[in-house]
């Protein structure tokens, strides 16, 4: 059985190596029983200390370790939404952040179904209205969205994604960055999107949140 602290540190190193976490931006967490282990404020994801994580309860109360990232309300929101979520990744990845500055494709997903892997690995990704980083009201709004999701774009800020494992959350973050790059590369063109039937079939087969838009 793997150690969640080590998994988190390895995920940070991978995301930093891929260029998805510039400087000291981004934060990661894992849920262990009724506790959240999260990267401290100002942490460089390339050099996360597995023994230097902040410890919170599910309500976000700081229990142990250094001061947590101010984005902890986002992480807590995803764990409250779905007890199956065991890891959360928040990044300032360039392409996904650029898409967060554009009008959304639909109410349920800022990103259209361009590729099957976006639907399979990420699913519908709503645009959450802008708020200052760490805003508890924004996190509360995310927690209350009335449709299933495991990813969101924070307007003018960047992506946040959850998964049943850290590996799945990281894979979703990488896939969201890739589909965001494709969307930006297409520019003003009108691409062929997956049809509602095609996207719906993939969502059902891979248990990925995708619904009527």
C-alpha atoms as a PDB file:
ATOM      1  CA  UNK A   1       0.000   0.000   0.000  1.00  0.00           C
ATOM      2  CA  UNK A   2       1.405   3.375  -0.974  1.00  0.00           C
ATOM      3  CA  UNK A   3       1.927   6.263   1.434  1.00  0.00           C
ATOM      4  CA  UNK A   4      -0.431   9.186   0.613  1.00  0.00           C
ATOM      5  CA  UNK A   5       2.189  11.717   1.720  1.00  0.00           C
ATOM      6  CA  UNK A   6       4.758  10.253  -0.662  1.00  0.00           C
ATOM      7  CA  UNK A   7       2.189  10.041  -3.454  1.00  0.00           C
ATOM      8  CA  UNK A   8       1.376  13.719  -2.997  1.00  0.00           C
ATOM      9  CA  UNK A   9       5.035  14.760  -3.119  1.00  0.00           C
ATOM     10  CA  UNK A  10       5.642  12.648  -6.240  1.00  0.00           C
ATOM     11  CA  UNK A  11       2.597  14.189  -7.922  1.00  0.00           C
ATOM     12  CA  UNK A  12       3.891  17.674  -7.181  1.00  0.00           C
ATOM     13  CA  UNK A  13       7.258  16.831  -8.715  1.00  0.00           C
ATOM     14  CA  UNK A  14       5.594  15.414 -11.840  1.00  0.00           C
ATOM     15  CA  UNK A  15       3.316  18.432 -12.336  1.00  0.00           C
ATOM     16  CA  UNK A  16       6.219  20.825 -11.839  1.00  0.00           C
ATOM     17  CA  UNK A  17       8.369  18.872 -14.326  1.00  0.00           C
ATOM     18  CA  UNK A  18       5.555  19.170 -16.882  1.00  0.00           C
ATOM     19  CA  UNK A  19       5.538  22.938 -16.442  1.00  0.00           C
ATOM     20  CA  UNK A  20       2.024  23.002 -14.997  1.00  0.00           C
ATOM     21  CA  UNK A  21       2.985  24.628 -11.697  1.00  0.00           C
ATOM     22  CA  UNK A  22       5.046  27.773 -12.330  1.00  0.00           C
ATOM     23  CA  UNK A  23       6.977  29.171  -9.367  1.00  0.00           C
ATOM     24  CA  UNK A  24       5.274  28.494  -6.059  1.00  0.00           C
ATOM     25  CA  UNK A  25       1.793  28.352  -7.588  1.00  0.00           C
ATOM     26  CA  UNK A  26      -0.595  25.449  -7.198  1.00  0.00           C
ATOM     27  CA  UNK A  27      -1.524  23.220  -4.291  1.00  0.00           C
ATOM     28  CA  UNK A  28      -2.321  19.554  -3.751  1.00  0.00           C
ATOM     29  CA  UNK A  29      -4.161  17.606  -1.098  1.00  0.00           C
ATOM     30  CA  UNK A  30      -5.207  14.083  -0.190  1.00  0.00           C
ATOM     31  CA  UNK A  31      -7.971  12.894   2.088  1.00  0.00           C
ATOM     32  CA  UNK A  32      -6.987  10.320   4.700  1.00  0.00           C
ATOM     33  CA  UNK A  33      -9.987   9.195   6.747  1.00  0.00           C
ATOM     34  CA  UNK A  34     -11.446  12.409   8.205  1.00  0.00           C
ATOM     35  CA  UNK A  35      -8.315  14.509   7.661  1.00  0.00           C
ATOM     36  CA  UNK A  36      -6.980  16.508   4.722  1.00  0.00           C
ATOM     37  CA  UNK A  37      -3.226  16.621   4.079  1.00  0.00           C
ATOM     38  CA  UNK A  38      -2.464  19.718   1.993  1.00  0.00           C
ATOM     39  CA  UNK A  39       0.619  21.549   0.771  1.00  0.00           C
ATOM     40  CA  UNK A  40       1.591  24.542   2.919  1.00  0.00           C
ATOM     41  CA  UNK A  41       1.222  28.123   1.800  1.00  0.00           C
ATOM     42  CA  UNK A  42       3.922  29.165  -0.664  1.00  0.00           C
ATOM     43  CA  UNK A  43       5.070  25.591  -1.285  1.00  0.00           C
ATOM     44  CA  UNK A  44       7.003  24.803  -4.468  1.00  0.00           C
ATOM     45  CA  UNK A  45       5.375  21.679  -5.895  1.00  0.00           C
ATOM     46  CA  UNK A  46       8.730  20.568  -7.267  1.00  0.00           C
ATOM     47  CA  UNK A  47      10.059  20.159  -3.734  1.00  0.00           C
ATOM     48  CA  UNK A  48       7.187  19.092  -1.482  1.00  0.00           C
ATOM     49  CA  UNK A  49       8.323  17.590   1.829  1.00  0.00           C
ATOM     50  CA  UNK A  50       6.083  14.568   2.575  1.00  0.00           C
ATOM     51  CA  UNK A  51       6.631  15.176   6.305  1.00  0.00           C
ATOM     52  CA  UNK A  52       5.920  18.907   6.065  1.00  0.00           C
ATOM     53  CA  UNK A  53       2.268  18.901   5.030  1.00  0.00           C
ATOM     54  CA  UNK A  54      -0.520  20.806   6.759  1.00  0.00           C
ATOM     55  CA  UNK A  55      -3.254  18.753   8.417  1.00  0.00           C
ATOM     56  CA  UNK A  56      -6.890  19.909   8.401  1.00  0.00           C
ATOM     57  CA  UNK A  57     -10.226  18.381   9.280  1.00  0.00           C
ATOM     58  CA  UNK A  58     -12.928  18.160   6.601  1.00  0.00           C
ATOM     59  CA  UNK A  59     -14.357  21.522   7.681  1.00  0.00           C
ATOM     60  CA  UNK A  60     -10.982  23.149   7.013  1.00  0.00           C
ATOM     61  CA  UNK A  61      -9.856  23.616  10.611  1.00  0.00           C
ATOM     62  CA  UNK A  62      -6.060  23.642  10.848  1.00  0.00           C
ATOM     63  CA  UNK A  63      -5.002  20.800  13.151  1.00  0.00           C
ATOM     64  CA  UNK A  64      -1.261  20.356  12.677  1.00  0.00           C
ATOM     65  CA  UNK A  65       1.761  21.250  10.573  1.00  0.00           C
ATOM     66  CA  UNK A  66       2.637  24.527   8.815  1.00  0.00           C
ATOM     67  CA  UNK A  67       0.077  27.097   7.687  1.00  0.00           C
ATOM     68  CA  UNK A  68      -1.959  25.557   4.835  1.00  0.00           C
ATOM     69  CA  UNK A  69      -2.426  26.954   1.370  1.00  0.00           C
ATOM     70  CA  UNK A  70      -5.068  29.680   1.384  1.00  0.00           C
ATOM     71  CA  UNK A  71      -6.891  27.645  -1.272  1.00  0.00           C
ATOM     72  CA  UNK A  72      -7.856  24.978   1.272  1.00  0.00           C
ATOM     73  CA  UNK A  73     -11.596  25.863   0.996  1.00  0.00           C
ATOM     74  CA  UNK A  74     -11.590  24.588  -2.614  1.00  0.00           C
ATOM     75  CA  UNK A  75     -10.138  21.276  -1.512  1.00  0.00           C
ATOM     76  CA  UNK A  76     -12.590  20.931   1.339  1.00  0.00           C
ATOM     77  CA  UNK A  77     -15.464  21.700  -1.070  1.00  0.00           C
ATOM     78  CA  UNK A  78     -14.579  18.769  -3.325  1.00  0.00           C
ATOM     79  CA  UNK A  79     -14.282  16.388  -0.375  1.00  0.00           C
ATOM     80  CA  UNK A  80     -17.655  17.552   0.935  1.00  0.00           C
ATOM     81  CA  UNK A  81     -19.250  17.130  -2.502  1.00  0.00           C
ATOM     82  CA  UNK A  82     -18.257  13.506  -2.894  1.00  0.00           C
ATOM     83  CA  UNK A  83     -16.712  11.160  -0.319  1.00  0.00           C
ATOM     84  CA  UNK A  84     -15.236   9.233  -3.268  1.00  0.00           C
ATOM     85  CA  UNK A  85     -12.855  12.120  -3.894  1.00  0.00           C
ATOM     86  CA  UNK A  86      -9.549  11.321  -2.218  1.00  0.00           C
ATOM     87  CA  UNK A  87      -7.231  13.853  -3.905  1.00  0.00           C
ATOM     88  CA  UNK A  88      -7.494  17.429  -5.215  1.00  0.00           C
ATOM     89  CA  UNK A  89      -5.160  19.265  -7.589  1.00  0.00           C
ATOM     90  CA  UNK A  90      -5.247  23.044  -8.105  1.00  0.00           C
ATOM     91  CA  UNK A  91      -2.898  24.559 -10.690  1.00  0.00           C
ATOM     92  CA  UNK A  92      -2.173  27.759 -12.578  1.00  0.00           C
ATOM     93  CA  UNK A  93      -1.400  25.820 -15.765  1.00  0.00           C
ATOM     94  CA  UNK A  94      -1.026  28.214 -18.698  1.00  0.00           C
ATOM     95  CA  UNK A  95      -3.569  26.904 -21.203  1.00  0.00           C
ATOM     96  CA  UNK A  96      -6.299  25.979 -18.756  1.00  0.00           C
ATOM     97  CA  UNK A  97      -5.897  29.346 -17.067  1.00  0.00           C
ATOM     98  CA  UNK A  98      -6.183  31.076 -20.454  1.00  0.00           C
ATOM     99  CA  UNK A  99      -9.454  29.227 -21.105  1.00  0.00           C
ATOM    100  CA  UNK A 100     -10.682  30.354 -17.671  1.00  0.00           C
ATOM    101  CA  UNK A 101     -10.445  33.930 -18.991  1.00  0.00           C
ATOM    102  CA  UNK A 102     -12.813  33.190 -21.924  1.00  0.00           C
ATOM    103  CA  UNK A 103     -16.601  32.852 -22.059  1.00  0.00           C
ATOM    104  CA  UNK A 104     -17.666  29.294 -21.175  1.00  0.00           C
ATOM    105  CA  UNK A 105     -18.941  26.860 -23.793  1.00  0.00           C
ATOM    106  CA  UNK A 106     -22.003  26.092 -21.646  1.00  0.00           C
ATOM    107  CA  UNK A 107     -23.331  26.414 -18.128  1.00  0.00           C
ATOM    108  CA  UNK A 108     -22.045  22.966 -17.192  1.00  0.00           C
ATOM    109  CA  UNK A 109     -18.726  23.016 -19.013  1.00  0.00           C
ATOM    110  CA  UNK A 110     -16.392  25.822 -19.956  1.00  0.00           C
ATOM    111  CA  UNK A 111     -14.682  23.384 -22.315  1.00  0.00           C
ATOM    112  CA  UNK A 112     -16.611  21.644 -25.130  1.00  0.00           C
ATOM    113  CA  UNK A 113     -16.283  17.908 -25.880  1.00  0.00           C
ATOM    114  CA  UNK A 114     -13.386  18.254 -28.300  1.00  0.00           C
ATOM    115  CA  UNK A 115     -11.819  14.862 -27.632  1.00  0.00           C
ATOM    116  CA  UNK A 116     -12.984  11.566 -26.179  1.00  0.00           C
ATOM    117  CA  UNK A 117     -10.228  11.636 -23.557  1.00  0.00           C
ATOM    118  CA  UNK A 118     -11.426  14.958 -22.172  1.00  0.00           C
ATOM    119  CA  UNK A 119     -14.885  13.457 -21.633  1.00  0.00           C
ATOM    120  CA  UNK A 120     -13.461  10.177 -20.293  1.00  0.00           C
ATOM    121  CA  UNK A 121     -10.796  11.545 -17.939  1.00  0.00           C
ATOM    122  CA  UNK A 122     -12.123  14.948 -16.916  1.00  0.00           C
ATOM    123  CA  UNK A 123     -15.810  15.348 -17.711  1.00  0.00           C
ATOM    124  CA  UNK A 124     -17.868  18.498 -17.620  1.00  0.00           C
ATOM    125  CA  UNK A 125     -15.845  21.384 -16.222  1.00  0.00           C
ATOM    126  CA  UNK A 126     -17.919  24.420 -15.240  1.00  0.00           C
ATOM    127  CA  UNK A 127     -16.560  27.955 -15.040  1.00  0.00           C
ATOM    128  CA  UNK A 128     -16.866  29.194 -11.450  1.00  0.00           C
ATOM    129  CA  UNK A 129     -17.352  33.006 -11.230  1.00  0.00           C
ATOM    130  CA  UNK A 130     -14.327  35.043 -10.195  1.00  0.00           C
ATOM    131  CA  UNK A 131     -13.432  35.576  -6.555  1.00  0.00           C
ATOM    132  CA  UNK A 132     -10.142  36.416  -4.842  1.00  0.00           C
ATOM    133  CA  UNK A 133      -7.916  33.390  -4.171  1.00  0.00           C
ATOM    134  CA  UNK A 134      -8.943  31.570  -1.017  1.00  0.00           C
ATOM    135  CA  UNK A 135     -12.485  32.984  -1.026  1.00  0.00           C
ATOM    136  CA  UNK A 136     -14.717  30.739   1.090  1.00  0.00           C
ATOM    137  CA  UNK A 137     -17.916  31.844  -0.675  1.00  0.00           C
ATOM    138  CA  UNK A 138     -16.524  30.725  -4.041  1.00  0.00           C
ATOM    139  CA  UNK A 139     -15.695  27.333  -2.561  1.00  0.00           C
ATOM    140  CA  UNK A 140     -19.181  27.119  -1.074  1.00  0.00           C
ATOM    141  CA  UNK A 141     -20.704  27.830  -4.478  1.00  0.00           C
ATOM    142  CA  UNK A 142     -18.575  25.076  -5.982  1.00  0.00           C
ATOM    143  CA  UNK A 143     -19.723  22.643  -3.299  1.00  0.00           C
ATOM    144  CA  UNK A 144     -23.379  23.448  -4.059  1.00  0.00           C
ATOM    145  CA  UNK A 145     -23.349  23.095  -7.856  1.00  0.00           C
ATOM    146  CA  UNK A 146     -26.399  20.935  -8.658  1.00  0.00           C
ATOM    147  CA  UNK A 147     -24.784  18.557 -11.154  1.00  0.00           C
ATOM    148  CA  UNK A 148     -21.930  16.035 -10.986  1.00  0.00           C
ATOM    149  CA  UNK A 149     -18.378  17.194 -11.631  1.00  0.00           C
ATOM    150  CA  UNK A 150     -14.801  16.372 -10.782  1.00  0.00           C
ATOM    151  CA  UNK A 151     -13.216  19.482 -12.299  1.00  0.00           C
ATOM    152  CA  UNK A 152     -13.831  23.211 -12.565  1.00  0.00           C
ATOM    153  CA  UNK A 153     -12.159  26.303 -13.964  1.00  0.00           C
ATOM    154  CA  UNK A 154     -11.938  29.240 -11.594  1.00  0.00           C
ATOM    155  CA  UNK A 155     -12.575  32.361 -13.665  1.00  0.00           C
ATOM    156  CA  UNK A 156      -9.321  34.261 -14.416  1.00  0.00           C
ATOM    157  CA  UNK A 157      -7.476  31.902 -12.074  1.00  0.00           C
ATOM    158  CA  UNK A 158      -7.015  28.290 -13.174  1.00  0.00           C
ATOM    159  CA  UNK A 159      -8.158  24.662 -12.877  1.00  0.00           C
ATOM    160  CA  UNK A 160      -9.075  22.598  -9.840  1.00  0.00           C
ATOM    161  CA  UNK A 161      -9.701  18.856 -10.160  1.00  0.00           C
ATOM    162  CA  UNK A 162     -10.520  15.932  -7.895  1.00  0.00           C
ATOM    163  CA  UNK A 163     -10.188  12.185  -8.206  1.00  0.00           C
ATOM    164  CA  UNK A 164     -10.488   8.903  -6.340  1.00  0.00           C
ATOM    165  CA  UNK A 165      -6.680   8.733  -6.285  1.00  0.00           C
ATOM    166  CA  UNK A 166      -3.903  11.275  -6.698  1.00  0.00           C
ATOM    167  CA  UNK A 167      -2.828   9.550  -9.917  1.00  0.00           C
ATOM    168  CA  UNK A 168      -6.317   9.978 -11.392  1.00  0.00           C
ATOM    169  CA  UNK A 169      -6.503  13.629 -10.343  1.00  0.00           C
ATOM    170  CA  UNK A 170      -3.101  14.332 -11.912  1.00  0.00           C
ATOM    171  CA  UNK A 171      -4.037  12.541 -15.136  1.00  0.00           C
ATOM    172  CA  UNK A 172      -7.209  14.649 -15.313  1.00  0.00           C
ATOM    173  CA  UNK A 173      -5.196  17.836 -14.788  1.00  0.00           C
ATOM    174  CA  UNK A 174      -2.819  16.890 -17.618  1.00  0.00           C
ATOM    175  CA  UNK A 175      -5.745  16.047 -19.907  1.00  0.00           C
ATOM    176  CA  UNK A 176      -7.516  19.335 -19.137  1.00  0.00           C
ATOM    177  CA  UNK A 177      -4.355  21.261 -19.972  1.00  0.00           C
ATOM    178  CA  UNK A 178      -4.028  19.395 -23.277  1.00  0.00           C
ATOM    179  CA  UNK A 179      -7.628  19.950 -24.379  1.00  0.00           C
ATOM    180  CA  UNK A 180      -7.320  23.607 -23.350  1.00  0.00           C
ATOM    181  CA  UNK A 181      -4.262  23.940 -25.606  1.00  0.00           C
ATOM    182  CA  UNK A 182      -6.233  22.396 -28.483  1.00  0.00           C
ATOM    183  CA  UNK A 183      -9.133  24.774 -27.883  1.00  0.00           C
ATOM    184  CA  UNK A 184      -6.829  27.807 -27.962  1.00  0.00           C
ATOM    185  CA  UNK A 185      -5.032  26.527 -31.076  1.00  0.00           C
ATOM    186  CA  UNK A 186      -8.346  26.280 -32.922  1.00  0.00           C
ATOM    187  CA  UNK A 187      -9.015  29.951 -32.288  1.00  0.00           C
ATOM    188  CA  UNK A 188     -12.080  31.265 -34.110  1.00  0.00           C
ATOM    189  CA  UNK A 189     -12.563  28.105 -36.171  1.00  0.00           C
ATOM    190  CA  UNK A 190     -15.693  26.015 -35.677  1.00  0.00           C
ATOM    191  CA  UNK A 191     -14.383  22.540 -34.813  1.00  0.00           C
ATOM    192  CA  UNK A 192     -16.311  19.320 -35.023  1.00  0.00           C
ATOM    193  CA  UNK A 193     -17.328  18.440 -31.452  1.00  0.00           C
ATOM    194  CA  UNK A 194     -18.397  15.072 -30.160  1.00  0.00           C
ATOM    195  CA  UNK A 195     -22.162  14.777 -30.514  1.00  0.00           C
ATOM    196  CA  UNK A 196     -24.294  14.615 -27.348  1.00  0.00           C
ATOM    197  CA  UNK A 197     -24.797  10.907 -28.043  1.00  0.00           C
ATOM    198  CA  UNK A 198     -21.060  10.263 -28.463  1.00  0.00           C
ATOM    199  CA  UNK A 199     -20.093  12.231 -25.354  1.00  0.00           C
ATOM    200  CA  UNK A 200     -22.924  10.722 -23.325  1.00  0.00           C
ATOM    201  CA  UNK A 201     -21.916   7.180 -24.262  1.00  0.00           C
ATOM    202  CA  UNK A 202     -18.324   7.840 -23.174  1.00  0.00           C
ATOM    203  CA  UNK A 203     -19.457   9.409 -19.919  1.00  0.00           C
ATOM    204  CA  UNK A 204     -21.610   6.390 -19.144  1.00  0.00           C
ATOM    205  CA  UNK A 205     -18.948   3.836 -20.102  1.00  0.00           C
ATOM    206  CA  UNK A 206     -16.168   5.486 -18.109  1.00  0.00           C
ATOM    207  CA  UNK A 207     -18.304   6.758 -15.213  1.00  0.00           C
ATOM    208  CA  UNK A 208     -17.318  10.310 -16.045  1.00  0.00           C
ATOM    209  CA  UNK A 209     -19.607  13.256 -15.246  1.00  0.00           C
ATOM    210  CA  UNK A 210     -21.108  14.425 -18.511  1.00  0.00           C
ATOM    211  CA  UNK A 211     -24.706  15.530 -18.953  1.00  0.00           C
ATOM    212  CA  UNK A 212     -27.083  17.744 -20.849  1.00  0.00           C
ATOM    213  CA  UNK A 213     -25.660  21.186 -21.506  1.00  0.00           C
END
